[in-house]
């Protein structure tokens, strides 16, 4: 467990904290257990156990979704199967209070974000927006500019960060010259980020 993960320490259960974080950071989404386990970075066995406990307390609720079964050859549809899904129980009396608490104490590991991005290449700028600022209406959660852009490396780095934050991270990556150009022409994505609450983690070449 990370030293700055107060929620995990407070609950005495890092797995439950990660799973709860996924639910509270994605209140409008429903998850199958395998997807929930992957998003939280927790084993399927632990995810199943903790989801059932949260269901017992009323924190989450169960639903059903239809899964189409595809045959091995020629993608023939063999049938349909209903599978369980899990989502935040917004009608639970403490839902809003628990969501506020989880958001308040969940660690935003700025150093981890900077470190992950630096491993993808020479970074000139990193900006946090969107969900990191509590505003999902923004077009992206993270903007990054690099002298040389390797999209595969950036995508892989983002995937390593997502379990810690309990949600998918929407991002946009640019080369440094492209980012500078977009700043010059008042690009909509850039303006929709910089004109609203945001946090500059890195500005090596004073682009901002």
N, C-alpha and C. Protein backbone atom coordinates (compact mmCIF):
# COMPACT_ATOMS: atom_id res chain seq x y z
N UNK A 1 0.84 -1.20 0.00
CA UNK A 1 0.00 0.00 0.00
C UNK A 1 0.87 1.25 0.00
N UNK A 2 0.53 2.21 -0.84
CA UNK A 2 1.30 3.45 -0.91
C UNK A 2 1.17 4.22 0.40
N UNK A 3 2.27 4.89 0.80
CA UNK A 3 2.28 5.62 2.07
C UNK A 3 1.26 6.74 2.09
N UNK A 4 0.95 7.33 0.91
CA UNK A 4 0.02 8.45 0.89
C UNK A 4 -1.41 8.03 0.61
N UNK A 5 -1.69 6.72 0.65
CA UNK A 5 -3.05 6.24 0.42
C UNK A 5 -3.79 6.17 1.75
N UNK A 6 -4.30 7.32 2.19
CA UNK A 6 -4.99 7.39 3.48
C UNK A 6 -6.19 6.47 3.51
N UNK A 7 -6.93 6.42 2.41
CA UNK A 7 -8.15 5.62 2.37
C UNK A 7 -7.85 4.15 2.65
N UNK A 8 -6.81 3.62 1.99
CA UNK A 8 -6.45 2.22 2.19
C UNK A 8 -6.03 1.96 3.62
N UNK A 9 -5.25 2.88 4.19
CA UNK A 9 -4.81 2.72 5.57
C UNK A 9 -5.95 2.86 6.56
N UNK A 10 -6.83 3.83 6.31
CA UNK A 10 -7.96 4.08 7.20
C UNK A 10 -8.89 2.88 7.24
N UNK A 11 -9.13 2.28 6.08
CA UNK A 11 -10.02 1.13 5.99
C UNK A 11 -9.32 -0.16 6.41
N UNK A 12 -7.98 -0.14 6.44
CA UNK A 12 -7.25 -1.35 6.77
C UNK A 12 -7.38 -2.40 5.70
N UNK A 13 -7.75 -1.99 4.50
CA UNK A 13 -8.00 -2.93 3.42
C UNK A 13 -7.73 -2.24 2.08
N UNK A 14 -6.50 -2.29 1.59
CA UNK A 14 -6.16 -1.62 0.33
C UNK A 14 -7.00 -2.07 -0.86
N UNK A 15 -7.35 -3.36 -0.91
CA UNK A 15 -8.16 -3.86 -2.03
C UNK A 15 -9.54 -3.22 -2.01
N UNK A 16 -10.15 -3.16 -0.84
CA UNK A 16 -11.48 -2.55 -0.74
C UNK A 16 -11.41 -1.06 -1.08
N UNK A 17 -10.34 -0.41 -0.66
CA UNK A 17 -10.18 1.01 -0.96
C UNK A 17 -10.09 1.25 -2.46
N UNK A 18 -9.33 0.41 -3.15
CA UNK A 18 -9.19 0.57 -4.61
C UNK A 18 -10.52 0.34 -5.32
N UNK A 19 -11.25 -0.69 -4.89
CA UNK A 19 -12.52 -1.00 -5.53
C UNK A 19 -13.54 0.10 -5.25
N UNK A 20 -13.58 0.57 -4.01
CA UNK A 20 -14.49 1.66 -3.66
C UNK A 20 -14.16 2.91 -4.47
N UNK A 21 -12.88 3.16 -4.68
CA UNK A 21 -12.44 4.32 -5.45
C UNK A 21 -12.94 4.22 -6.90
N UNK A 22 -12.89 3.03 -7.48
CA UNK A 22 -13.39 2.84 -8.85
C UNK A 22 -14.87 3.20 -8.91
N UNK A 23 -15.65 2.69 -7.98
CA UNK A 23 -17.08 2.97 -7.98
C UNK A 23 -17.36 4.45 -7.80
N UNK A 24 -16.71 5.09 -6.85
CA UNK A 24 -17.01 6.49 -6.54
C UNK A 24 -16.50 7.46 -7.59
N UNK A 25 -15.44 7.07 -8.30
CA UNK A 25 -14.93 7.92 -9.37
C UNK A 25 -15.69 7.71 -10.68
N UNK A 26 -16.53 6.68 -10.73
CA UNK A 26 -17.29 6.36 -11.94
C UNK A 26 -18.73 6.05 -11.58
N UNK A 27 -19.44 7.02 -10.98
CA UNK A 27 -20.78 6.75 -10.44
C UNK A 27 -21.84 6.39 -11.46
N UNK A 28 -21.61 6.70 -12.72
CA UNK A 28 -22.62 6.40 -13.75
C UNK A 28 -22.33 5.12 -14.51
N UNK A 29 -21.25 4.43 -14.16
CA UNK A 29 -20.86 3.22 -14.88
C UNK A 29 -21.23 1.96 -14.11
N UNK A 30 -21.51 0.88 -14.88
CA UNK A 30 -21.72 -0.44 -14.32
C UNK A 30 -20.57 -1.33 -14.76
N UNK A 31 -20.11 -2.20 -13.87
CA UNK A 31 -18.94 -3.03 -14.15
C UNK A 31 -19.25 -4.51 -13.94
N UNK A 32 -18.72 -5.35 -14.82
CA UNK A 32 -18.68 -6.77 -14.52
C UNK A 32 -17.51 -6.96 -13.56
N UNK A 33 -17.46 -8.06 -12.85
CA UNK A 33 -16.38 -8.26 -11.89
C UNK A 33 -15.00 -8.29 -12.54
N UNK A 34 -14.83 -8.96 -13.71
CA UNK A 34 -13.50 -8.93 -14.35
C UNK A 34 -13.05 -7.52 -14.73
N UNK A 35 -13.98 -6.70 -15.23
CA UNK A 35 -13.64 -5.33 -15.60
C UNK A 35 -13.31 -4.51 -14.35
N UNK A 36 -14.08 -4.71 -13.30
CA UNK A 36 -13.84 -4.01 -12.04
C UNK A 36 -12.47 -4.37 -11.48
N UNK A 37 -12.13 -5.66 -11.54
CA UNK A 37 -10.83 -6.12 -11.04
C UNK A 37 -9.69 -5.49 -11.82
N UNK A 38 -9.84 -5.43 -13.14
CA UNK A 38 -8.81 -4.84 -13.99
C UNK A 38 -8.66 -3.36 -13.72
N UNK A 39 -9.78 -2.66 -13.60
CA UNK A 39 -9.75 -1.22 -13.37
C UNK A 39 -9.11 -0.89 -12.01
N UNK A 40 -9.38 -1.73 -11.02
CA UNK A 40 -8.86 -1.47 -9.68
C UNK A 40 -7.45 -2.00 -9.48
N UNK A 41 -7.01 -2.90 -10.36
CA UNK A 41 -5.70 -3.50 -10.19
C UNK A 41 -5.67 -4.47 -9.02
N UNK A 42 -6.79 -5.20 -8.85
CA UNK A 42 -6.95 -6.14 -7.75
C UNK A 42 -7.32 -7.50 -8.33
N UNK A 43 -6.96 -8.58 -7.65
CA UNK A 43 -7.29 -9.92 -8.14
C UNK A 43 -8.80 -10.11 -8.23
N UNK A 44 -9.23 -11.00 -9.12
CA UNK A 44 -10.66 -11.25 -9.29
C UNK A 44 -11.27 -11.82 -8.01
N UNK A 45 -10.53 -12.67 -7.32
CA UNK A 45 -11.02 -13.25 -6.07
C UNK A 45 -11.29 -12.17 -5.03
N UNK A 46 -10.33 -11.26 -4.86
CA UNK A 46 -10.50 -10.17 -3.89
C UNK A 46 -11.61 -9.23 -4.32
N UNK A 47 -11.71 -8.97 -5.62
CA UNK A 47 -12.75 -8.09 -6.14
C UNK A 47 -14.13 -8.66 -5.86
N UNK A 48 -14.30 -9.95 -6.10
CA UNK A 48 -15.58 -10.61 -5.84
C UNK A 48 -15.96 -10.50 -4.37
N UNK A 49 -15.01 -10.76 -3.50
CA UNK A 49 -15.26 -10.70 -2.06
C UNK A 49 -15.66 -9.30 -1.61
N UNK A 50 -14.91 -8.29 -2.08
CA UNK A 50 -15.17 -6.93 -1.63
C UNK A 50 -16.44 -6.35 -2.24
N UNK A 51 -16.74 -6.71 -3.49
CA UNK A 51 -17.97 -6.23 -4.12
C UNK A 51 -19.19 -6.77 -3.38
N UNK A 52 -19.12 -8.02 -2.96
CA UNK A 52 -20.23 -8.62 -2.20
C UNK A 52 -20.40 -7.92 -0.85
N UNK A 53 -19.29 -7.55 -0.24
CA UNK A 53 -19.37 -6.85 1.04
C UNK A 53 -19.99 -5.46 0.87
N UNK A 54 -19.60 -4.76 -0.19
CA UNK A 54 -20.17 -3.44 -0.46
C UNK A 54 -21.65 -3.55 -0.80
N UNK A 55 -22.03 -4.63 -1.47
CA UNK A 55 -23.44 -4.88 -1.78
C UNK A 55 -24.23 -5.12 -0.49
N UNK A 56 -23.65 -5.87 0.41
CA UNK A 56 -24.28 -6.18 1.69
C UNK A 56 -24.55 -4.90 2.49
N UNK A 57 -23.65 -3.94 2.40
CA UNK A 57 -23.81 -2.68 3.12
C UNK A 57 -24.72 -1.69 2.40
N UNK A 58 -25.05 -1.97 1.15
CA UNK A 58 -25.90 -1.07 0.39
C UNK A 58 -25.15 -0.02 -0.41
N UNK A 59 -23.83 -0.08 -0.38
CA UNK A 59 -23.01 0.91 -1.10
C UNK A 59 -23.16 0.76 -2.60
N UNK A 60 -23.26 -0.49 -3.07
CA UNK A 60 -23.41 -0.76 -4.50
C UNK A 60 -24.66 -1.60 -4.72
N UNK A 61 -25.05 -1.70 -5.97
CA UNK A 61 -26.20 -2.51 -6.35
C UNK A 61 -25.83 -3.39 -7.54
N UNK A 62 -26.60 -4.46 -7.72
CA UNK A 62 -26.35 -5.38 -8.83
C UNK A 62 -27.38 -5.17 -9.93
N UNK A 63 -26.92 -5.43 -11.17
CA UNK A 63 -27.81 -5.39 -12.31
C UNK A 63 -27.47 -6.52 -13.24
N UNK A 64 -28.02 -6.49 -14.43
CA UNK A 64 -27.75 -7.52 -15.43
C UNK A 64 -27.43 -6.86 -16.77
N UNK A 65 -26.58 -7.49 -17.53
CA UNK A 65 -26.33 -7.07 -18.90
C UNK A 65 -26.28 -8.31 -19.77
N UNK A 66 -26.53 -8.15 -21.04
CA UNK A 66 -26.55 -9.29 -21.96
C UNK A 66 -25.22 -9.39 -22.68
N UNK A 67 -24.61 -10.56 -22.61
CA UNK A 67 -23.35 -10.83 -23.29
C UNK A 67 -23.62 -11.77 -24.46
N UNK A 68 -23.14 -11.40 -25.64
CA UNK A 68 -23.33 -12.23 -26.83
C UNK A 68 -22.18 -13.23 -26.93
N UNK A 69 -22.52 -14.50 -27.07
CA UNK A 69 -21.52 -15.56 -27.16
C UNK A 69 -21.20 -15.82 -28.63
N UNK A 70 -19.93 -15.69 -28.99
CA UNK A 70 -19.49 -15.86 -30.37
C UNK A 70 -18.84 -17.23 -30.54
N UNK A 71 -19.17 -17.92 -31.63
CA UNK A 71 -18.58 -19.22 -31.91
C UNK A 71 -17.12 -19.10 -32.33
N UNK A 72 -16.43 -20.21 -32.39
CA UNK A 72 -15.01 -20.21 -32.71
C UNK A 72 -14.73 -19.94 -34.19
N UNK A 73 -15.68 -20.24 -35.04
CA UNK A 73 -15.46 -20.08 -36.48
C UNK A 73 -16.50 -19.15 -37.08
N UNK A 74 -16.04 -18.30 -38.00
CA UNK A 74 -16.89 -17.41 -38.77
C UNK A 74 -17.75 -16.49 -37.89
N UNK A 75 -17.33 -16.33 -36.64
CA UNK A 75 -18.00 -15.41 -35.71
C UNK A 75 -19.51 -15.63 -35.67
N UNK A 76 -19.89 -16.90 -35.63
CA UNK A 76 -21.30 -17.25 -35.54
C UNK A 76 -21.81 -17.00 -34.12
N UNK A 77 -22.93 -16.33 -34.02
CA UNK A 77 -23.51 -16.07 -32.71
C UNK A 77 -24.18 -17.34 -32.20
N UNK A 78 -23.67 -17.87 -31.09
CA UNK A 78 -24.19 -19.11 -30.54
C UNK A 78 -25.32 -18.87 -29.54
N UNK A 79 -25.36 -17.70 -28.96
CA UNK A 79 -26.40 -17.43 -27.99
C UNK A 79 -26.11 -16.19 -27.17
N UNK A 80 -26.96 -15.92 -26.22
CA UNK A 80 -26.80 -14.76 -25.35
C UNK A 80 -26.82 -15.22 -23.89
N UNK A 81 -26.09 -14.49 -23.07
CA UNK A 81 -25.99 -14.86 -21.67
C UNK A 81 -26.10 -13.60 -20.81
N UNK A 82 -26.92 -13.65 -19.79
CA UNK A 82 -27.04 -12.52 -18.87
C UNK A 82 -25.96 -12.64 -17.80
N UNK A 83 -25.23 -11.55 -17.60
CA UNK A 83 -24.17 -11.56 -16.59
C UNK A 83 -24.38 -10.41 -15.61
N UNK A 84 -23.89 -10.60 -14.40
CA UNK A 84 -24.07 -9.60 -13.35
C UNK A 84 -23.19 -8.38 -13.59
N UNK A 85 -23.74 -7.22 -13.25
CA UNK A 85 -22.97 -5.98 -13.25
C UNK A 85 -23.14 -5.32 -11.89
N UNK A 86 -22.20 -4.44 -11.58
CA UNK A 86 -22.18 -3.79 -10.27
C UNK A 86 -22.01 -2.29 -10.47
N UNK A 87 -22.74 -1.50 -9.70
CA UNK A 87 -22.67 -0.04 -9.84
C UNK A 87 -22.95 0.62 -8.49
N UNK A 88 -22.60 1.89 -8.39
CA UNK A 88 -22.89 2.65 -7.17
C UNK A 88 -24.39 2.70 -6.95
N UNK A 89 -24.80 2.50 -5.73
CA UNK A 89 -26.20 2.64 -5.36
C UNK A 89 -26.43 4.09 -4.95
N UNK A 90 -26.83 4.91 -5.92
CA UNK A 90 -26.98 6.34 -5.67
C UNK A 90 -28.12 6.66 -4.71
N UNK A 91 -29.01 5.68 -4.47
CA UNK A 91 -30.13 5.89 -3.55
C UNK A 91 -29.77 5.54 -2.11
N UNK A 92 -28.58 4.98 -1.91
CA UNK A 92 -28.12 4.69 -0.55
C UNK A 92 -27.98 6.01 0.21
N UNK A 93 -28.42 6.04 1.44
CA UNK A 93 -28.52 7.31 2.17
C UNK A 93 -27.17 8.00 2.39
N UNK A 94 -26.08 7.25 2.39
CA UNK A 94 -24.77 7.86 2.62
C UNK A 94 -23.94 8.00 1.33
N UNK A 95 -24.57 7.79 0.18
CA UNK A 95 -23.83 7.76 -1.09
C UNK A 95 -23.07 9.07 -1.34
N UNK A 96 -23.73 10.18 -1.17
CA UNK A 96 -23.08 11.47 -1.45
C UNK A 96 -21.96 11.76 -0.46
N UNK A 97 -22.21 11.46 0.81
CA UNK A 97 -21.19 11.71 1.83
C UNK A 97 -19.96 10.83 1.61
N UNK A 98 -20.19 9.56 1.27
CA UNK A 98 -19.07 8.65 1.05
C UNK A 98 -18.28 9.06 -0.19
N UNK A 99 -18.99 9.48 -1.24
CA UNK A 99 -18.32 9.93 -2.46
C UNK A 99 -17.43 11.13 -2.18
N UNK A 100 -17.95 12.09 -1.42
CA UNK A 100 -17.16 13.28 -1.08
C UNK A 100 -15.93 12.90 -0.28
N UNK A 101 -16.10 11.98 0.66
CA UNK A 101 -14.98 11.54 1.49
C UNK A 101 -13.90 10.86 0.66
N UNK A 102 -14.32 9.95 -0.22
CA UNK A 102 -13.36 9.22 -1.06
C UNK A 102 -12.60 10.17 -1.96
N UNK A 103 -13.31 11.12 -2.58
CA UNK A 103 -12.63 12.09 -3.44
C UNK A 103 -11.66 12.96 -2.64
N UNK A 104 -12.05 13.31 -1.43
CA UNK A 104 -11.23 14.21 -0.63
C UNK A 104 -9.92 13.57 -0.18
N UNK A 105 -9.97 12.29 0.19
CA UNK A 105 -8.78 11.65 0.77
C UNK A 105 -7.98 10.83 -0.23
N UNK A 106 -8.52 10.62 -1.44
CA UNK A 106 -7.79 9.81 -2.41
C UNK A 106 -6.56 10.56 -2.89
N UNK A 107 -5.41 9.89 -2.96
CA UNK A 107 -4.17 10.56 -3.32
C UNK A 107 -4.08 10.87 -4.81
N UNK A 108 -3.75 12.09 -5.13
CA UNK A 108 -3.39 12.42 -6.51
C UNK A 108 -1.87 12.43 -6.55
N UNK A 109 -1.30 11.36 -7.04
CA UNK A 109 0.15 11.19 -6.96
C UNK A 109 0.83 11.94 -8.11
N UNK A 110 1.04 13.23 -7.88
CA UNK A 110 1.62 14.05 -8.93
C UNK A 110 3.00 13.53 -9.35
N UNK A 111 3.80 13.11 -8.39
CA UNK A 111 5.14 12.63 -8.72
C UNK A 111 5.07 11.37 -9.57
N UNK A 112 4.06 10.53 -9.32
CA UNK A 112 3.90 9.30 -10.11
C UNK A 112 3.54 9.63 -11.55
N UNK A 113 2.70 10.65 -11.73
CA UNK A 113 2.31 11.05 -13.09
C UNK A 113 3.51 11.60 -13.84
N UNK A 114 4.24 12.49 -13.20
CA UNK A 114 5.42 13.08 -13.84
C UNK A 114 6.44 12.00 -14.16
N UNK A 115 6.67 11.09 -13.21
CA UNK A 115 7.64 10.02 -13.44
C UNK A 115 7.25 9.12 -14.59
N UNK A 116 5.97 8.76 -14.65
CA UNK A 116 5.50 7.88 -15.73
C UNK A 116 5.64 8.55 -17.08
N UNK A 117 5.31 9.83 -17.15
CA UNK A 117 5.41 10.55 -18.42
C UNK A 117 6.87 10.74 -18.85
N UNK A 118 7.74 10.99 -17.89
CA UNK A 118 9.15 11.18 -18.22
C UNK A 118 9.78 9.92 -18.78
N UNK A 119 9.24 8.78 -18.42
CA UNK A 119 9.77 7.52 -18.95
C UNK A 119 9.37 7.29 -20.39
N UNK A 120 8.47 8.12 -20.92
CA UNK A 120 8.05 7.96 -22.32
C UNK A 120 8.89 8.81 -23.27
N UNK A 121 9.69 9.71 -22.73
CA UNK A 121 10.50 10.58 -23.57
C UNK A 121 10.80 11.90 -22.87
N UNK A 122 11.36 12.84 -23.60
CA UNK A 122 11.71 14.15 -23.03
C UNK A 122 10.45 15.02 -23.00
N UNK A 123 9.92 15.23 -21.81
CA UNK A 123 8.64 15.92 -21.65
C UNK A 123 8.86 17.42 -21.49
N UNK A 124 8.03 18.19 -22.19
CA UNK A 124 8.12 19.65 -22.06
C UNK A 124 6.98 20.23 -21.23
N UNK A 125 5.82 19.54 -21.21
CA UNK A 125 4.69 20.07 -20.43
C UNK A 125 3.75 18.94 -20.03
N UNK A 126 3.22 19.05 -18.81
CA UNK A 126 2.18 18.15 -18.31
C UNK A 126 1.13 18.99 -17.61
N UNK A 127 -0.13 18.83 -18.02
CA UNK A 127 -1.23 19.61 -17.45
C UNK A 127 -2.33 18.66 -17.01
N UNK A 128 -2.83 18.84 -15.78
CA UNK A 128 -3.96 18.07 -15.30
C UNK A 128 -5.22 18.89 -15.42
N UNK A 129 -6.31 18.24 -15.80
CA UNK A 129 -7.60 18.91 -15.95
C UNK A 129 -8.68 17.86 -15.68
N UNK A 130 -9.90 18.14 -16.13
CA UNK A 130 -10.96 17.14 -16.07
C UNK A 130 -11.18 16.52 -14.71
N UNK A 131 -11.15 15.20 -14.66
CA UNK A 131 -11.46 14.48 -13.41
C UNK A 131 -10.49 14.80 -12.29
N UNK A 132 -9.26 15.16 -12.63
CA UNK A 132 -8.29 15.52 -11.59
C UNK A 132 -8.69 16.81 -10.88
N UNK A 133 -9.48 17.62 -11.56
CA UNK A 133 -9.97 18.88 -10.98
C UNK A 133 -11.43 18.77 -10.56
N UNK A 134 -11.98 17.56 -10.64
CA UNK A 134 -13.37 17.35 -10.27
C UNK A 134 -14.36 17.84 -11.30
N UNK A 135 -13.94 17.93 -12.57
CA UNK A 135 -14.81 18.44 -13.63
C UNK A 135 -14.75 17.51 -14.84
N UNK A 136 -15.66 16.55 -14.89
CA UNK A 136 -15.67 15.58 -15.99
C UNK A 136 -16.16 16.18 -17.31
N UNK A 137 -16.63 17.42 -17.29
CA UNK A 137 -17.10 18.04 -18.53
C UNK A 137 -15.95 18.52 -19.40
N UNK A 138 -14.76 18.58 -18.85
CA UNK A 138 -13.59 18.98 -19.64
C UNK A 138 -13.24 17.87 -20.63
N UNK A 139 -12.66 18.21 -21.78
CA UNK A 139 -12.40 17.22 -22.83
C UNK A 139 -11.30 16.22 -22.51
N UNK A 140 -10.42 16.53 -21.57
CA UNK A 140 -9.32 15.62 -21.25
C UNK A 140 -8.93 15.77 -19.79
N UNK A 141 -8.39 14.69 -19.23
CA UNK A 141 -7.91 14.73 -17.85
C UNK A 141 -6.43 15.11 -17.79
N UNK A 142 -5.71 14.82 -18.86
CA UNK A 142 -4.27 15.06 -18.86
C UNK A 142 -3.81 15.46 -20.26
N UNK A 143 -3.01 16.50 -20.34
CA UNK A 143 -2.35 16.91 -21.58
C UNK A 143 -0.85 16.77 -21.38
N UNK A 144 -0.17 16.24 -22.38
CA UNK A 144 1.28 16.08 -22.27
C UNK A 144 1.92 16.45 -23.61
N UNK A 145 3.03 17.17 -23.54
CA UNK A 145 3.80 17.54 -24.73
C UNK A 145 5.21 16.99 -24.59
N UNK A 146 5.69 16.35 -25.65
CA UNK A 146 7.02 15.74 -25.63
C UNK A 146 7.80 16.16 -26.87
N UNK A 147 9.12 16.25 -26.72
CA UNK A 147 9.95 16.61 -27.87
C UNK A 147 9.80 15.59 -28.99
N UNK A 148 9.69 14.32 -28.62
CA UNK A 148 9.49 13.25 -29.59
C UNK A 148 8.38 12.35 -29.06
N UNK A 149 7.28 12.25 -29.78
CA UNK A 149 6.10 11.54 -29.29
C UNK A 149 6.10 10.09 -29.73
N UNK A 150 6.07 9.19 -28.75
CA UNK A 150 5.89 7.76 -29.00
C UNK A 150 4.54 7.39 -28.39
N UNK A 151 3.52 7.28 -29.22
CA UNK A 151 2.16 7.10 -28.73
C UNK A 151 1.99 5.80 -27.94
N UNK A 152 2.68 4.75 -28.36
CA UNK A 152 2.57 3.48 -27.64
C UNK A 152 3.10 3.59 -26.22
N UNK A 153 4.23 4.27 -26.08
CA UNK A 153 4.81 4.45 -24.74
C UNK A 153 3.90 5.29 -23.86
N UNK A 154 3.33 6.33 -24.43
CA UNK A 154 2.44 7.19 -23.65
C UNK A 154 1.21 6.41 -23.20
N UNK A 155 0.63 5.67 -24.12
CA UNK A 155 -0.56 4.87 -23.78
C UNK A 155 -0.25 3.85 -22.69
N UNK A 156 0.90 3.19 -22.80
CA UNK A 156 1.30 2.20 -21.79
C UNK A 156 1.50 2.86 -20.43
N UNK A 157 2.09 4.06 -20.43
CA UNK A 157 2.31 4.78 -19.17
C UNK A 157 0.98 5.16 -18.52
N UNK A 158 0.04 5.61 -19.33
CA UNK A 158 -1.28 5.98 -18.82
C UNK A 158 -1.95 4.77 -18.18
N UNK A 159 -1.85 3.61 -18.84
CA UNK A 159 -2.48 2.39 -18.32
C UNK A 159 -1.91 2.00 -16.96
N UNK A 160 -0.64 2.26 -16.74
CA UNK A 160 -0.04 1.91 -15.44
C UNK A 160 -0.55 2.83 -14.33
N UNK A 161 -0.99 4.03 -14.70
CA UNK A 161 -1.46 5.00 -13.71
C UNK A 161 -2.93 4.78 -13.33
N UNK A 162 -3.71 4.25 -14.24
CA UNK A 162 -5.16 4.19 -14.05
C UNK A 162 -5.62 3.44 -12.80
N UNK A 163 -5.02 2.29 -12.43
CA UNK A 163 -5.50 1.60 -11.22
C UNK A 163 -5.41 2.45 -9.96
N UNK A 164 -4.39 3.29 -9.87
CA UNK A 164 -4.22 4.13 -8.68
C UNK A 164 -5.32 5.17 -8.55
N UNK A 165 -5.89 5.58 -9.69
CA UNK A 165 -6.92 6.61 -9.67
C UNK A 165 -8.32 6.05 -9.85
N UNK A 166 -8.40 4.73 -10.10
CA UNK A 166 -9.70 4.08 -10.15
C UNK A 166 -10.56 4.44 -11.34
N UNK A 167 -9.95 4.91 -12.41
CA UNK A 167 -10.74 5.26 -13.59
C UNK A 167 -9.85 5.37 -14.81
N UNK A 168 -10.48 5.36 -15.97
CA UNK A 168 -9.73 5.59 -17.20
C UNK A 168 -9.31 7.05 -17.24
N UNK A 169 -8.11 7.30 -17.71
CA UNK A 169 -7.60 8.66 -17.81
C UNK A 169 -7.68 9.10 -19.27
N UNK A 170 -8.49 10.10 -19.52
CA UNK A 170 -8.60 10.66 -20.88
C UNK A 170 -7.43 11.61 -21.09
N UNK A 171 -6.69 11.38 -22.14
CA UNK A 171 -5.49 12.20 -22.32
C UNK A 171 -5.32 12.61 -23.78
N UNK A 172 -4.48 13.60 -23.97
CA UNK A 172 -4.09 14.04 -25.31
C UNK A 172 -2.59 14.29 -25.27
N UNK A 173 -1.88 13.75 -26.24
CA UNK A 173 -0.42 13.89 -26.29
C UNK A 173 -0.01 14.56 -27.60
N UNK A 174 0.97 15.44 -27.51
CA UNK A 174 1.43 16.20 -28.67
C UNK A 174 2.96 16.26 -28.68
N UNK A 175 3.50 16.53 -29.85
CA UNK A 175 4.92 16.90 -29.88
C UNK A 175 5.00 18.34 -29.38
N UNK A 176 6.15 18.74 -28.91
CA UNK A 176 6.31 20.11 -28.39
C UNK A 176 5.98 21.16 -29.45
N UNK A 177 6.47 21.02 -30.70
CA UNK A 177 6.12 22.01 -31.73
C UNK A 177 4.61 22.08 -31.99
N UNK A 178 3.95 20.91 -32.01
CA UNK A 178 2.51 20.91 -32.26
C UNK A 178 1.77 21.59 -31.11
N UNK A 179 2.19 21.33 -29.89
CA UNK A 179 1.55 21.95 -28.73
C UNK A 179 1.72 23.47 -28.78
N UNK A 180 2.93 23.91 -29.13
CA UNK A 180 3.20 25.35 -29.23
C UNK A 180 2.31 25.98 -30.31
N UNK A 181 2.15 25.28 -31.44
CA UNK A 181 1.30 25.79 -32.52
C UNK A 181 -0.15 25.89 -32.06
N UNK A 182 -0.64 24.86 -31.39
CA UNK A 182 -2.02 24.87 -30.91
C UNK A 182 -2.26 26.00 -29.92
N UNK A 183 -1.24 26.30 -29.12
CA UNK A 183 -1.35 27.43 -28.21
C UNK A 183 -1.48 28.74 -28.99
N UNK A 184 -0.72 28.85 -30.06
CA UNK A 184 -0.69 30.07 -30.86
C UNK A 184 -2.03 30.34 -31.55
N UNK A 185 -2.66 29.27 -32.08
CA UNK A 185 -3.90 29.43 -32.83
C UNK A 185 -5.14 29.32 -31.95
N UNK A 186 -4.94 29.30 -30.63
CA UNK A 186 -6.07 29.21 -29.70
C UNK A 186 -6.91 27.96 -29.95
N UNK A 187 -6.22 26.83 -30.06
CA UNK A 187 -6.89 25.54 -30.29
C UNK A 187 -7.97 25.29 -29.23
N UNK A 188 -9.11 24.76 -29.66
CA UNK A 188 -10.25 24.58 -28.76
C UNK A 188 -9.93 23.64 -27.60
N UNK A 189 -9.26 22.53 -27.87
CA UNK A 189 -8.91 21.59 -26.80
C UNK A 189 -8.02 22.25 -25.75
N UNK A 190 -7.05 23.01 -26.22
CA UNK A 190 -6.14 23.69 -25.29
C UNK A 190 -6.88 24.74 -24.48
N UNK A 191 -7.71 25.53 -25.16
CA UNK A 191 -8.45 26.59 -24.47
C UNK A 191 -9.47 26.01 -23.48
N UNK A 192 -10.14 24.90 -23.88
CA UNK A 192 -11.11 24.27 -22.99
C UNK A 192 -10.44 23.66 -21.77
N UNK A 193 -9.13 23.56 -21.82
CA UNK A 193 -8.37 23.08 -20.66
C UNK A 193 -7.83 24.25 -19.85
N UNK A 194 -7.15 25.17 -20.51
CA UNK A 194 -6.47 26.26 -19.80
C UNK A 194 -7.40 27.36 -19.31
N UNK A 195 -8.58 27.48 -19.91
CA UNK A 195 -9.52 28.51 -19.47
C UNK A 195 -10.37 28.07 -18.28
N UNK A 196 -10.15 26.85 -17.83
CA UNK A 196 -10.89 26.31 -16.70
C UNK A 196 -9.89 25.79 -15.66
N UNK A 197 -10.36 25.42 -14.47
CA UNK A 197 -9.42 24.93 -13.45
C UNK A 197 -8.52 23.82 -13.98
N UNK A 198 -7.22 24.00 -13.78
CA UNK A 198 -6.24 23.03 -14.24
C UNK A 198 -5.00 23.15 -13.36
N UNK A 199 -4.10 22.22 -13.51
CA UNK A 199 -2.87 22.24 -12.73
C UNK A 199 -1.70 21.89 -13.63
N UNK A 200 -0.72 22.79 -13.69
CA UNK A 200 0.48 22.55 -14.50
C UNK A 200 1.50 21.80 -13.63
N UNK A 201 1.78 20.56 -13.98
CA UNK A 201 2.76 19.77 -13.24
C UNK A 201 4.18 20.01 -13.74
N UNK A 202 4.28 20.34 -15.02
CA UNK A 202 5.61 20.55 -15.62
C UNK A 202 5.50 21.52 -16.78
N UNK A 203 6.43 22.46 -16.85
CA UNK A 203 6.49 23.40 -17.97
C UNK A 203 7.96 23.70 -18.23
N UNK A 204 8.64 22.70 -18.77
CA UNK A 204 10.10 22.77 -18.90
C UNK A 204 10.56 23.89 -19.82
N UNK A 205 9.85 24.11 -20.91
CA UNK A 205 10.28 25.11 -21.90
C UNK A 205 9.43 26.38 -21.86
N UNK A 206 8.69 26.56 -20.76
CA UNK A 206 7.85 27.75 -20.58
C UNK A 206 6.87 27.94 -21.73
N UNK A 207 6.17 26.85 -22.04
CA UNK A 207 5.15 26.92 -23.08
C UNK A 207 3.90 27.63 -22.56
N UNK A 208 3.68 27.58 -21.26
CA UNK A 208 2.42 28.07 -20.68
C UNK A 208 2.58 29.42 -20.00
